[in-house]
Protein backbone atom coordinates (compact mmCIF):
# COMPACT_ATOMS: atom_id res chain seq x y z
CA MET A 1 -24.69 62.29 63.20
CA LYS A 2 -21.61 61.67 60.92
CA SER A 3 -22.72 61.31 57.22
CA ASP A 4 -19.81 59.50 56.06
CA LEU A 5 -20.33 56.44 58.53
CA PRO A 6 -22.39 53.39 57.35
CA SER A 7 -25.73 53.31 58.75
CA ILE A 8 -27.75 50.60 60.46
CA VAL A 9 -31.27 50.32 61.54
CA ILE A 10 -31.89 48.13 64.87
CA THR A 11 -35.38 47.07 65.91
CA GLY A 12 -35.78 46.02 69.53
CA ALA A 13 -32.82 48.17 70.34
CA SER A 14 -34.16 48.75 74.10
CA GLY A 15 -34.14 44.80 74.57
CA PHE A 16 -31.21 42.69 76.03
CA ILE A 17 -29.15 41.99 72.74
CA GLY A 18 -30.37 45.41 71.48
CA ARG A 19 -28.65 47.36 74.11
CA TYR A 20 -25.19 45.56 73.98
CA LEU A 21 -25.30 45.93 70.21
CA LEU A 22 -25.86 49.55 70.36
CA ASP A 23 -23.05 50.20 72.67
CA SER A 24 -20.78 48.09 70.34
CA VAL A 25 -21.60 49.74 67.08
CA LYS A 26 -22.46 53.44 68.11
CA ASP A 27 -18.69 54.73 67.31
CA GLU A 28 -18.75 53.14 63.92
CA PHE A 29 -22.23 53.45 62.46
CA ARG A 30 -24.93 55.86 62.14
CA VAL A 31 -27.76 54.16 64.26
CA PHE A 32 -31.51 54.10 63.92
CA ALA A 33 -32.60 52.54 66.96
CA ILE A 34 -36.25 51.41 67.01
CA ALA A 35 -37.88 50.42 70.17
CA ARG A 36 -41.37 50.80 72.03
CA ARG A 37 -39.62 52.02 75.16
CA SER A 38 -38.21 55.74 75.34
CA ARG A 39 -34.34 56.18 75.68
CA LYS A 40 -34.80 57.29 79.24
CA GLU A 41 -36.91 54.12 80.25
CA ALA A 42 -34.35 51.87 78.30
CA ASN A 43 -31.41 53.66 80.27
CA VAL A 44 -29.72 54.14 77.08
CA PRO A 45 -27.35 57.16 77.26
CA TYR A 46 -27.15 59.94 74.56
CA HIS A 47 -24.65 59.34 71.86
CA LYS A 48 -24.33 61.62 68.85
CA ASN A 49 -24.65 58.88 66.23
CA ILE A 50 -27.90 57.43 67.63
CA HIS A 51 -31.30 58.44 66.77
CA TRP A 52 -33.69 56.87 69.00
CA ILE A 53 -36.91 56.15 67.26
CA GLN A 54 -39.89 54.98 69.51
CA CYS A 55 -42.59 53.17 67.80
CA ASP A 56 -44.53 49.91 67.85
CA ILE A 57 -43.39 47.91 64.60
CA ALA A 58 -46.82 46.44 64.48
CA LYS A 59 -48.14 49.81 63.81
CA TRP A 60 -47.55 50.29 60.13
CA ASP A 61 -48.58 53.80 59.98
CA THR A 62 -45.86 54.82 62.27
CA LEU A 63 -43.32 52.66 60.65
CA ASN A 64 -44.03 54.03 57.38
CA GLU A 65 -43.25 57.58 58.82
CA VAL A 66 -40.04 56.17 60.23
CA MET A 67 -39.10 54.88 56.67
CA LYS A 68 -39.54 58.30 55.34
CA TYR A 69 -37.59 59.88 58.17
CA ILE A 70 -34.76 57.45 57.83
CA ASN A 71 -34.73 58.10 53.82
CA ASP A 72 -34.71 61.72 54.47
CA HIS A 73 -31.47 61.22 56.72
CA GLY A 74 -29.54 59.34 54.18
CA GLY A 75 -31.26 55.95 54.19
CA ALA A 76 -29.73 52.75 55.76
CA ASP A 77 -27.16 50.12 54.99
CA PHE A 78 -28.11 47.18 57.10
CA LEU A 79 -31.17 46.44 59.21
CA ILE A 80 -30.83 43.94 62.32
CA HIS A 81 -34.51 42.69 63.31
CA LEU A 82 -34.20 41.82 66.86
CA ALA A 83 -37.81 42.96 68.12
CA ALA A 84 -39.93 39.96 69.00
CA PHE A 85 -42.13 38.70 71.92
CA TYR A 86 -41.43 35.69 74.02
CA ASP A 87 -42.35 34.30 77.33
CA PHE A 88 -42.19 30.86 79.19
CA THR A 89 -45.75 30.15 79.65
CA TYR A 90 -46.00 28.00 76.31
CA LYS A 91 -49.41 29.75 75.73
CA ASP A 92 -50.18 30.98 72.27
CA HIS A 93 -50.35 34.70 73.28
CA PRO A 94 -51.80 37.08 70.73
CA GLU A 95 -48.73 39.21 71.05
CA TYR A 96 -46.95 36.43 69.11
CA GLN A 97 -49.13 37.11 66.13
CA ARG A 98 -48.98 40.75 66.61
CA THR A 99 -45.38 41.36 67.19
CA ASN A 100 -43.65 38.42 65.61
CA ILE A 101 -45.62 37.91 62.62
CA GLU A 102 -47.40 41.15 61.62
CA GLY A 103 -44.54 43.19 63.04
CA THR A 104 -41.86 41.30 61.06
CA ARG A 105 -43.97 41.63 57.84
CA ASN A 106 -44.17 45.21 58.73
CA VAL A 107 -40.41 45.63 59.16
CA LEU A 108 -39.79 43.55 55.87
CA GLU A 109 -42.09 45.93 53.87
CA PHE A 110 -40.49 49.02 55.67
CA ALA A 111 -36.96 47.43 54.50
CA LYS A 112 -38.24 47.48 50.87
CA GLY A 113 -38.47 51.24 51.20
CA ILE A 114 -34.86 51.66 52.05
CA ARG A 115 -31.71 51.07 50.10
CA LEU A 116 -30.49 48.02 52.09
CA LYS A 117 -27.16 46.17 51.56
CA ARG A 118 -28.49 43.30 53.89
CA PHE A 119 -31.40 42.57 56.14
CA ILE A 120 -30.55 40.44 59.09
CA PHE A 121 -33.32 38.45 60.96
CA ALA A 122 -32.78 37.17 64.62
CA SER A 123 -34.21 33.63 64.72
CA SER A 124 -33.65 30.93 67.46
CA LEU A 125 -32.20 27.52 67.67
CA ALA A 126 -35.13 26.67 70.12
CA ALA A 127 -37.30 26.95 66.99
CA CYS A 128 -36.05 23.56 66.10
CA ASP A 129 -37.43 20.63 67.76
CA PHE A 130 -34.98 18.49 69.80
CA PRO A 131 -33.09 15.91 67.71
CA ARG A 132 -33.19 12.17 68.14
CA ASP A 133 -30.16 10.70 70.17
CA GLY A 134 -26.85 11.18 68.24
CA GLU A 135 -28.34 13.72 65.80
CA LYS A 136 -27.52 17.46 65.65
CA ILE A 137 -29.34 20.67 64.57
CA THR A 138 -27.62 22.51 61.74
CA GLU A 139 -28.17 25.36 59.51
CA THR A 140 -30.34 23.20 57.08
CA SER A 141 -32.48 21.91 59.86
CA THR A 142 -36.18 22.71 59.72
CA PRO A 143 -37.55 25.01 62.46
CA ASP A 144 -40.41 22.53 63.46
CA ALA A 145 -40.63 22.98 67.18
CA GLY A 146 -44.54 23.16 67.89
CA PHE A 147 -44.84 25.86 70.56
CA ALA A 148 -46.08 29.17 69.79
CA TYR A 149 -42.70 31.33 69.66
CA ALA A 150 -41.11 28.50 67.44
CA ARG A 151 -44.04 28.53 65.06
CA THR A 152 -43.55 32.63 64.63
CA LYS A 153 -39.78 32.26 64.12
CA ALA A 154 -40.41 29.74 61.40
CA ALA A 155 -42.88 32.00 59.85
CA GLY A 156 -40.48 34.77 60.19
CA GLU A 157 -37.75 32.90 58.42
CA GLN A 158 -39.94 31.79 55.60
CA MET A 159 -41.13 35.73 55.05
CA VAL A 160 -37.42 36.56 54.91
CA ARG A 161 -36.61 33.90 52.38
CA GLU A 162 -39.20 35.25 50.18
CA TYR A 163 -38.27 38.95 50.73
CA ALA A 164 -34.69 38.07 49.63
CA ALA A 165 -36.16 38.66 46.10
CA HIS A 166 -35.95 42.35 47.03
CA PHE A 167 -32.62 42.71 49.19
CA PRO A 168 -30.07 40.37 50.47
CA CYS A 169 -31.15 38.36 53.86
CA SER A 170 -29.47 36.46 56.46
CA VAL A 171 -31.21 34.47 59.03
CA VAL A 172 -29.05 34.05 62.46
CA ARG A 173 -30.41 31.41 64.72
CA PHE A 174 -29.28 32.20 68.27
CA ALA A 175 -28.51 29.76 70.93
CA ALA A 176 -29.61 30.86 74.52
CA VAL A 177 -27.99 34.18 74.89
CA TYR A 178 -26.57 35.24 78.24
CA SER A 179 -24.22 38.05 79.62
CA GLU A 180 -21.85 38.49 82.57
CA TRP A 181 -24.84 39.23 84.59
CA CYS A 182 -26.62 36.39 83.18
CA GLU A 183 -29.91 37.89 81.81
CA TYR A 184 -31.09 34.56 80.40
CA ALA A 185 -34.12 33.72 82.48
CA PRO A 186 -33.83 29.97 82.78
CA LEU A 187 -30.05 30.07 83.71
CA TYR A 188 -30.93 32.65 86.33
CA LYS A 189 -33.63 30.68 88.00
CA PHE A 190 -31.31 27.61 87.79
CA LEU A 191 -28.55 29.33 89.63
CA SER A 192 -31.08 31.29 92.02
CA THR A 193 -32.19 27.92 93.03
CA TRP A 194 -28.96 25.75 93.05
CA LEU A 195 -27.04 28.42 95.23
CA SER A 196 -29.85 28.89 97.75
CA ARG A 197 -31.20 27.08 100.81
CA LYS A 198 -34.49 26.22 99.19
CA ILE A 199 -35.92 22.76 99.53
CA ASP A 200 -35.38 22.17 96.00
CA ALA A 201 -31.92 23.50 95.76
CA ARG A 202 -30.24 20.11 95.03
CA ILE A 203 -32.83 18.60 92.87
CA LEU A 204 -32.15 17.88 89.15
CA ALA A 205 -34.97 16.53 86.82
CA GLY A 206 -34.37 13.21 85.26
CA LYS A 207 -30.70 12.45 85.19
CA GLY A 208 -29.59 16.07 84.92
CA GLU A 209 -28.79 15.63 81.19
CA SER A 210 -31.37 18.33 79.92
CA ALA A 211 -28.92 20.35 77.56
CA ILE A 212 -28.98 23.40 75.32
CA PRO A 213 -26.21 25.38 73.88
CA TYR A 214 -25.49 28.83 75.20
CA ILE A 215 -23.80 31.76 73.67
CA HIS A 216 -22.28 35.08 75.21
CA VAL A 217 -23.86 38.31 73.97
CA GLN A 218 -20.42 39.49 72.82
CA ASP A 219 -20.07 36.34 70.61
CA ILE A 220 -23.51 37.35 69.15
CA ILE A 221 -22.27 40.81 68.24
CA SER A 222 -18.98 39.76 66.85
CA LEU A 223 -21.14 37.36 64.39
CA LEU A 224 -23.51 40.25 63.45
CA ARG A 225 -20.61 42.46 62.76
CA LEU A 226 -19.02 39.63 60.50
CA VAL A 227 -22.39 39.31 58.42
CA MET A 228 -22.31 42.88 57.75
CA LYS A 229 -18.73 43.12 57.09
CA LYS A 230 -18.73 40.32 54.47
CA THR A 231 -22.02 41.00 53.01
CA GLU A 232 -20.73 41.19 49.63
CA GLN A 233 -19.34 37.76 49.75
CA LEU A 234 -22.47 36.16 51.25
CA PRO A 235 -25.13 34.64 49.32
CA ARG A 236 -28.45 36.41 48.81
CA PHE A 237 -30.06 34.27 51.29
CA GLY A 238 -28.44 32.36 54.20
CA ILE A 239 -29.11 30.75 57.52
CA TYR A 240 -26.35 30.73 60.17
CA SER A 241 -26.29 29.29 63.74
CA ALA A 242 -24.83 31.68 66.51
CA SER A 243 -23.86 28.84 68.75
CA PRO A 244 -20.88 26.88 69.76
CA ASP A 245 -21.22 23.06 68.67
CA GLY A 246 -22.88 20.75 71.13
CA SER A 247 -24.80 21.54 74.23
CA VAL A 248 -24.17 22.13 77.93
CA SER A 249 -26.35 20.05 80.42
CA HIS A 250 -27.92 21.12 83.94
CA LYS A 251 -25.53 18.54 85.55
CA GLN A 252 -22.70 20.30 84.19
CA LEU A 253 -23.73 23.64 85.07
CA TYR A 254 -24.74 22.60 88.61
CA THR A 255 -21.39 20.96 89.25
CA ILE A 256 -19.36 23.96 88.50
CA ALA A 257 -21.75 26.47 89.94
CA THR A 258 -22.10 24.59 93.42
CA ASN A 259 -18.37 23.64 93.52
CA TYR A 260 -17.17 27.30 93.01
CA PHE A 261 -19.83 29.00 94.98
CA PHE A 262 -19.60 26.97 98.09
CA GLY A 263 -16.01 25.91 97.71
CA ARG A 264 -16.91 22.26 97.73
CA GLY A 265 -19.12 19.92 95.65
CA ARG A 266 -22.92 19.51 96.63
CA LYS A 267 -24.20 16.08 95.40
CA PRO A 268 -27.40 16.52 93.47
CA PHE A 269 -30.50 14.61 93.93
CA TYR A 270 -32.14 13.16 90.73
CA LEU A 271 -35.99 13.45 90.30
CA PRO A 272 -37.16 10.87 88.07
CA ARG A 273 -38.94 12.06 84.99
CA LEU A 274 -42.13 10.21 86.33
CA LEU A 275 -42.28 12.00 89.44
CA ALA A 276 -41.52 15.39 87.88
CA TYR A 277 -45.38 16.08 87.20
CA PRO A 278 -46.53 15.46 90.58
CA GLY A 279 -43.48 17.23 92.00
CA LEU A 280 -44.30 20.34 90.01
CA VAL A 281 -47.97 19.93 91.02
CA GLY A 282 -46.75 20.05 94.44
CA LYS A 283 -44.86 23.34 93.82
CA TYR A 284 -48.09 24.93 92.64
CA LEU A 285 -50.04 23.88 95.52
CA LEU A 286 -47.53 25.36 97.91
CA LYS A 287 -47.89 28.75 95.99
CA TYR A 288 -51.76 28.53 95.85
CA SER A 289 -51.79 27.66 99.58
CA HIS A 290 -49.53 30.77 100.22
CA LEU A 291 -46.75 28.71 101.93
CA VAL A 292 -44.48 30.11 99.32
CA CYS A 293 -44.61 33.48 97.56
CA GLU A 294 -42.63 32.74 94.35
CA GLU A 295 -44.48 31.53 91.29
CA PRO A 296 -42.61 28.33 90.08
CA PHE A 297 -40.64 29.26 86.93
CA GLU A 298 -41.01 25.57 85.71
CA LYS A 299 -43.78 24.90 83.57
CA PHE A 300 -45.69 21.46 82.87
CA TRP A 301 -44.65 21.75 79.19
CA MET A 302 -40.79 21.52 80.20
CA ILE A 303 -41.43 18.07 81.17
CA LYS A 304 -41.22 16.59 77.87
CA TYR A 305 -37.76 17.85 77.49
CA ILE A 306 -36.24 16.33 80.68
CA ASP A 307 -32.93 14.78 79.55
CA LYS A 308 -33.20 15.78 75.93
CA LYS A 309 -30.33 17.39 74.12
CA LEU A 310 -30.34 20.47 71.67
CA ASP A 311 -27.07 19.30 70.31
CA ILE A 312 -25.68 21.97 67.56
CA ASP A 313 -23.28 21.52 64.51
CA ALA A 314 -22.46 24.94 63.25
CA SER A 315 -19.62 23.94 61.19
CA HIS A 316 -21.13 25.65 58.05
CA THR A 317 -21.34 28.86 60.02
CA ARG A 318 -17.75 28.88 61.22
CA GLN A 319 -16.71 28.14 57.41
CA ALA A 320 -18.83 30.71 55.95
CA LEU A 321 -18.11 33.63 58.24
CA ASN A 322 -14.75 32.50 59.35
CA TRP A 323 -16.18 32.89 62.85
CA GLU A 324 -16.23 30.70 66.05
CA PRO A 325 -17.39 31.54 69.68
CA ALA A 326 -14.51 32.85 71.67
CA PRO A 327 -13.47 30.08 74.00
CA ARG A 328 -13.10 32.27 77.02
CA TYR A 329 -16.79 33.09 76.43
CA HIS A 330 -17.82 29.49 76.64
CA ILE A 331 -20.54 28.96 79.27
CA THR A 332 -18.52 26.54 81.15
CA ARG A 333 -15.63 28.96 81.49
CA ARG A 334 -17.69 32.00 81.74
CA LEU A 335 -19.72 30.68 84.58
CA LEU A 336 -17.25 31.74 87.08
CA PHE A 337 -17.60 35.41 86.26
CA LEU A 338 -21.30 35.34 86.59
CA LEU A 339 -20.97 33.55 89.87
CA GLU A 340 -18.47 36.49 90.95
CA LYS A 341 -21.22 38.87 90.01
CA ILE A 342 -23.64 37.06 92.37
CA LYS A 343 -21.05 37.24 95.13
CA SER A 344 -19.93 40.73 94.91
CA HIS A 345 -23.06 42.67 93.51
CA PRO A 346 -26.11 40.31 94.65
CA ASP A 347 -28.81 43.20 94.59
CA GLU A 348 -27.80 44.44 91.19
CA TRP A 349 -27.74 40.81 89.91
CA ARG A 350 -31.06 40.38 91.06
CA LEU A 351 -32.70 43.47 89.75
CA LYS A 352 -31.30 43.08 86.42
CA ASN A 353 -32.28 39.58 85.96
CA GLU A 354 -35.70 40.22 87.53
CA ALA A 355 -36.15 43.14 84.89
CA ALA A 356 -35.17 40.61 82.13
CA LEU A 357 -37.99 38.46 83.26
CA LEU A 358 -40.60 40.94 82.78
CA ARG A 359 -42.35 40.59 79.31
CA VAL A 360 -44.27 43.58 78.47
CA THR A 361 -46.47 42.68 75.80
CA ARG A 362 -47.50 46.40 74.87
CA ARG A 363 -46.41 49.45 76.57
CA ASN A 364 -49.38 51.33 77.84
CA ASN A 365 -48.04 54.53 77.57
CA LEU A 366 -47.05 54.26 73.81
CA VAL A 367 -50.64 53.16 73.03
CA ILE A 368 -51.96 56.26 74.65
CA TYR A 369 -49.51 58.51 72.98
CA GLU A 370 -50.50 57.00 69.72
CA ALA A 371 -54.08 57.85 70.66
CA LEU A 372 -53.22 61.25 71.45
CA THR A 373 -51.28 61.69 68.08
CA ALA A 374 -54.35 60.32 65.92
CA LYS A 375 -56.82 62.44 68.05
CA LYS A 376 -54.89 65.71 68.18
CA ASP A 377 -56.79 67.35 65.46
CA ALA A 378 -59.95 66.55 67.02
CA ILE A 379 -59.37 67.24 70.57
CA LEU A 380 -57.56 70.51 70.35
CA PRO A 381 -60.88 72.24 68.57
CA LEU A 382 -62.81 71.08 71.51
CA ILE A 383 -60.55 72.46 73.95
CA ILE A 384 -60.47 75.90 72.13
CA ALA A 385 -64.33 75.69 71.79
CA HIS A 386 -64.84 75.23 75.55
CA MET A 387 -62.47 77.97 76.53
CA LYS A 388 -63.87 80.56 73.84
CA ALA A 389 -67.44 79.57 75.21
CA PRO A 390 -69.28 82.83 76.62
CA GLU A 391 -70.15 81.08 79.54
CA ASN A 392 -66.42 80.45 80.34
CA SER A 393 -65.14 84.10 79.28
CA VAL A 394 -64.67 85.05 82.89
CA HIS A 395 -62.33 81.86 83.39
CA PHE A 396 -60.22 82.38 80.33
CA ALA A 397 -60.48 86.19 80.06
CA ARG A 398 -56.82 86.48 79.10
CA TYR A 399 -56.72 83.74 76.59
CA ASN A 400 -59.65 85.47 74.78
CA LYS A 401 -57.47 88.61 74.37
CA LEU A 402 -54.62 86.89 72.62
CA GLU A 403 -54.47 86.72 68.94
CA ALA A 404 -56.07 83.66 67.46
CA ASN A 405 -52.76 82.19 66.18
CA ASP A 406 -50.89 83.05 69.36
CA PHE A 407 -53.94 81.23 71.43
CA GLN A 408 -53.85 78.14 69.29
CA CYS A 409 -50.04 77.89 69.17
CA TYR A 410 -49.98 77.75 72.95
CA LEU A 411 -52.52 75.22 73.32
CA SER A 412 -50.67 73.13 70.78
CA THR A 413 -47.52 73.57 72.57
CA LEU A 414 -49.12 72.32 75.73
CA TYR A 415 -50.87 69.40 73.86
CA HIS A 416 -47.36 68.35 72.61
CA LEU A 417 -45.76 68.49 76.08
CA LEU A 418 -48.43 66.04 77.22
CA MET A 419 -47.76 63.90 74.26
CA ALA A 420 -43.76 63.82 74.96
CA THR A 421 -44.26 63.21 78.84
CA VAL A 422 -46.77 60.41 77.95
CA ARG A 423 -44.73 58.87 75.37
CA SER A 424 -41.43 58.86 77.24
CA GLY A 425 -42.99 57.93 80.70
CA ASP A 426 -41.18 60.73 82.06
CA ARG A 427 -43.25 63.17 83.95
CA SER A 428 -39.83 65.23 84.87
CA LEU A 429 -40.54 66.53 81.23
CA MET A 430 -43.69 68.16 82.19
CA ILE A 431 -42.13 69.68 85.21
CA GLN A 432 -39.26 71.04 83.13
CA TYR A 433 -41.24 72.69 80.38
CA ILE A 434 -44.34 73.70 82.30
CA ASP A 435 -42.10 76.10 84.38
CA ASP A 436 -41.03 77.69 81.14
CA ILE A 437 -44.52 78.06 79.76
CA ALA A 438 -45.86 79.36 83.28
CA LEU A 439 -43.05 81.93 83.43
CA ARG A 440 -44.10 83.46 80.16
CA ARG A 441 -47.91 83.37 81.19
CA PHE A 442 -46.65 85.07 84.32
CA ALA A 443 -44.98 87.82 82.49
CA GLU A 444 -48.01 88.49 80.35
CA GLY A 445 -50.19 88.96 83.45
CA PHE A 446 -51.97 85.43 83.61
CA LEU A 447 -53.11 84.58 87.07
CA PRO A 448 -52.37 81.13 88.31
CA GLU A 449 -56.07 80.26 88.46
CA GLU A 450 -56.33 80.69 84.86
CA LEU A 451 -53.55 78.49 84.12
CA GLY A 452 -54.88 75.68 86.47
CA GLU A 453 -58.08 76.05 84.90
CA THR A 454 -56.67 75.49 81.49
CA LEU A 455 -54.93 72.28 82.60
CA SER A 456 -58.03 71.15 84.07
CA VAL A 457 -59.99 71.63 81.09
CA PHE A 458 -57.25 69.80 79.08
CA LYS A 459 -57.49 66.83 81.58
CA ASP A 460 -61.05 66.71 81.46
CA ILE A 461 -61.63 66.73 77.80
CA ILE A 462 -58.66 64.37 76.96
CA ILE A 463 -59.55 61.83 79.24
CA ARG A 464 -63.14 61.87 77.94
CA GLU A 465 -62.14 61.48 74.40
CA LEU A 466 -59.52 58.73 75.05
CA VAL A 467 -61.65 56.49 77.08
CA VAL A 468 -64.30 55.97 74.40
CA ASP A 469 -61.34 54.97 71.98
CA PRO A 470 -62.07 50.89 71.58
CA GLU A 471 -58.27 50.39 71.90
CA LEU A 472 -58.29 52.07 75.18
CA LYS A 473 -61.43 50.69 76.81
CA ASN A 474 -59.61 48.33 79.12
CA MET A 475 -57.09 51.15 80.00
CA LYS A 476 -59.05 53.69 81.79
CA GLN A 477 -56.75 53.67 84.90
CA GLU A 478 -53.68 53.91 82.88
CA VAL A 479 -55.25 56.85 80.84
CA TYR A 480 -55.84 58.47 84.27
CA ASP A 481 -52.40 57.73 85.38
CA TYR A 482 -50.52 59.06 82.30
CA VAL A 483 -52.75 62.03 81.35
CA GLY A 484 -54.75 62.98 84.56
CA LEU A 485 -51.86 62.74 87.00
CA THR A 486 -49.56 64.43 84.84
CA LEU A 487 -51.70 67.20 84.36
CA GLN A 488 -52.45 67.41 87.92
CA LEU A 489 -48.81 67.63 88.53
CA ALA A 490 -48.42 70.45 86.17
CA GLN A 491 -51.15 72.32 88.01
CA ASP A 492 -49.38 71.88 91.30
CA GLU A 493 -46.03 72.90 89.79
CA VAL A 494 -47.55 76.01 88.30
CA GLU A 495 -48.82 77.16 91.81
CA ASP A 496 -45.47 76.55 93.31
CA LEU A 497 -43.77 78.38 90.64
CA TYR A 498 -46.07 81.59 91.07
CA ASP A 499 -45.47 81.57 94.80
CA LYS A 500 -41.88 81.42 94.34
CA LEU A 501 -41.77 84.28 91.58
CA LEU A 502 -43.88 86.68 93.67
CA GLN A 503 -41.74 86.17 96.55
CA LYS A 504 -38.57 86.94 94.30
CA MET A 505 -39.74 89.97 92.20
CA PRO A 506 -42.75 91.86 91.07
CA LYS A 507 -44.79 90.90 88.16
CA GLU A 508 -43.78 93.92 86.15
CA LYS A 509 -40.12 92.83 86.31
CA ILE A 510 -40.58 89.36 85.26
CA SER A 511 -40.95 90.41 81.51
CA GLU A 512 -37.66 92.17 81.70
CA SER A 513 -35.98 88.94 83.20
CA SER A 514 -33.28 87.27 80.71
CA LEU A 515 -34.81 83.81 82.07
CA LEU A 516 -37.93 84.36 79.87
CA PRO A 517 -37.98 81.58 77.30
CA ASP A 518 -38.28 82.41 73.62
CA CYS A 519 -41.83 81.48 72.79
CA LYS A 520 -41.17 80.20 69.30
CA GLU A 521 -37.92 78.20 70.43
CA LEU A 522 -39.81 76.69 73.40
CA GLN A 523 -42.44 75.55 71.04
CA ARG A 524 -39.99 73.88 68.59
CA MET A 525 -38.33 71.98 71.28
CA ILE A 526 -41.30 70.66 72.81
CA ARG A 527 -42.86 69.66 69.30
CA GLN A 528 -39.43 67.87 68.67
CA LEU A 529 -39.66 66.10 72.31
CA SER A 530 -43.07 64.78 71.27
CA ALA A 531 -42.24 63.42 67.86
CA PHE A 532 -41.57 59.72 67.37
CA TYR A 533 -37.97 60.34 66.68
CA GLN A 534 -36.33 61.54 70.02
CA ILE A 535 -33.64 64.37 70.00
CA SER A 536 -32.75 65.86 73.32
CA PRO A 537 -31.92 69.45 73.86
CA GLU A 538 -28.36 68.64 73.87
CA GLU A 539 -28.68 66.75 70.60
CA GLY A 540 -30.50 69.77 69.07
CA LYS A 541 -27.59 72.06 70.18
CA TYR A 542 -25.25 69.51 68.65
CA TYR A 543 -27.14 69.40 65.14
CA GLU A 544 -27.30 73.03 65.04
CA GLU A 545 -23.51 73.51 65.43
CA LEU A 546 -23.00 70.98 62.70
CA GLN A 547 -25.19 72.84 60.45
CA GLN A 548 -23.34 76.19 61.13
CA GLU A 549 -19.99 74.53 60.29
């Protein structure tokens, strides 16, 4: 990681906008990417300038550790806060409070401890209620929409305004963000319906005049870059609209999409607003009667917005930043690119958009990882005591002959390996490193039964201690899946490895093999893997070479 580069913290780095932003800035910034998913789960490739930090922003203790870690690595110039929860149910989900309110407050406190040039908060134009006919939303409009997500964004904006006393802050209100693959749930659902043979494929609600502004993700990135570039010229606090002027209606999108996709126009049927409610009731009845399998995307709360327009006037942003959306990225032009993706890559199109629809409130593996971290000092002594007990001396004879430090070191390494596997959601880590651990144990004369029994003790004691945790009381199956099945997989792998080793060479020759891993180096690597900041073996090698230089 080049220390002469400016540095940036990105929360929500594994999300839709976060991944595009990462890809854009990774060669020009040192990036501290904060996400609840592991790098592997987020499908973000290794890059020398990216430090991937896996944590939940609603957990202050971990975030406080992240702050110390970032300061130890030179601090950060900018923080872009993208992490947020949103779904389309219109219900006041507790995750809105936990992530969008408490999480944002934590991130602002976290930012106070870092020497920032500017804090950038991702808000939404949807936080503003639809204006009356002829009026437009501007940067000075109050975020006054009544649904849960809007209220949390309004609260976030207010918090950011207050924290501007500590560091410069900018609020950027996003229009509906989409990419070449769409990845914006309502637009995906509209296109999937209009371009299908479904019974409602040609139905538009009201007069088809429901309209919102859309913005391409690359335009979002160009605006965020300008906010960072012009930070010295910007006020200590300011609000900007990441949007083109005006809005685009369903009728406009329908006309463009059907004309291009079918090669001819398809006349829509307009469903009067008064019939929208019974029409939606009918859709749900079909779902509940199992005549259709798909859950209707439309919700009853959406009916009140039929034929309303969220028109935008973003002239202040254009003047303040000397920025405007690229004409080629306007939804009415870019829609043709989306339609080409549907035609040429239909399966990938569907998979990407269905993945974008999933709203995971909390990642169970990360909750279990945090519990493993918190309980490590309590669980390891229980495992040691069980293995050292006189009644178990026969089962663990070899272990009882080890030096006390070596014995504890081995168990700690195994525990960290389990932590890394659970946190990343990647059981291949367990396979990769259990082979190295088992190879050394085999060279030292351990029998496979003894290693298997050790893993079994780990499994039983850890599961027993975790399931009584109040935060995990409703996650017993997940605890078994992430801990129990992982350790069972390790047992099977050990047995397979022993069989192969015995076929290849006598046990007395194993200790002479150049394949035998260095125990201290193995422990260092596994401890690194289990930390909240993630450095792969390739990264570790890269940093070692830099230090030598």
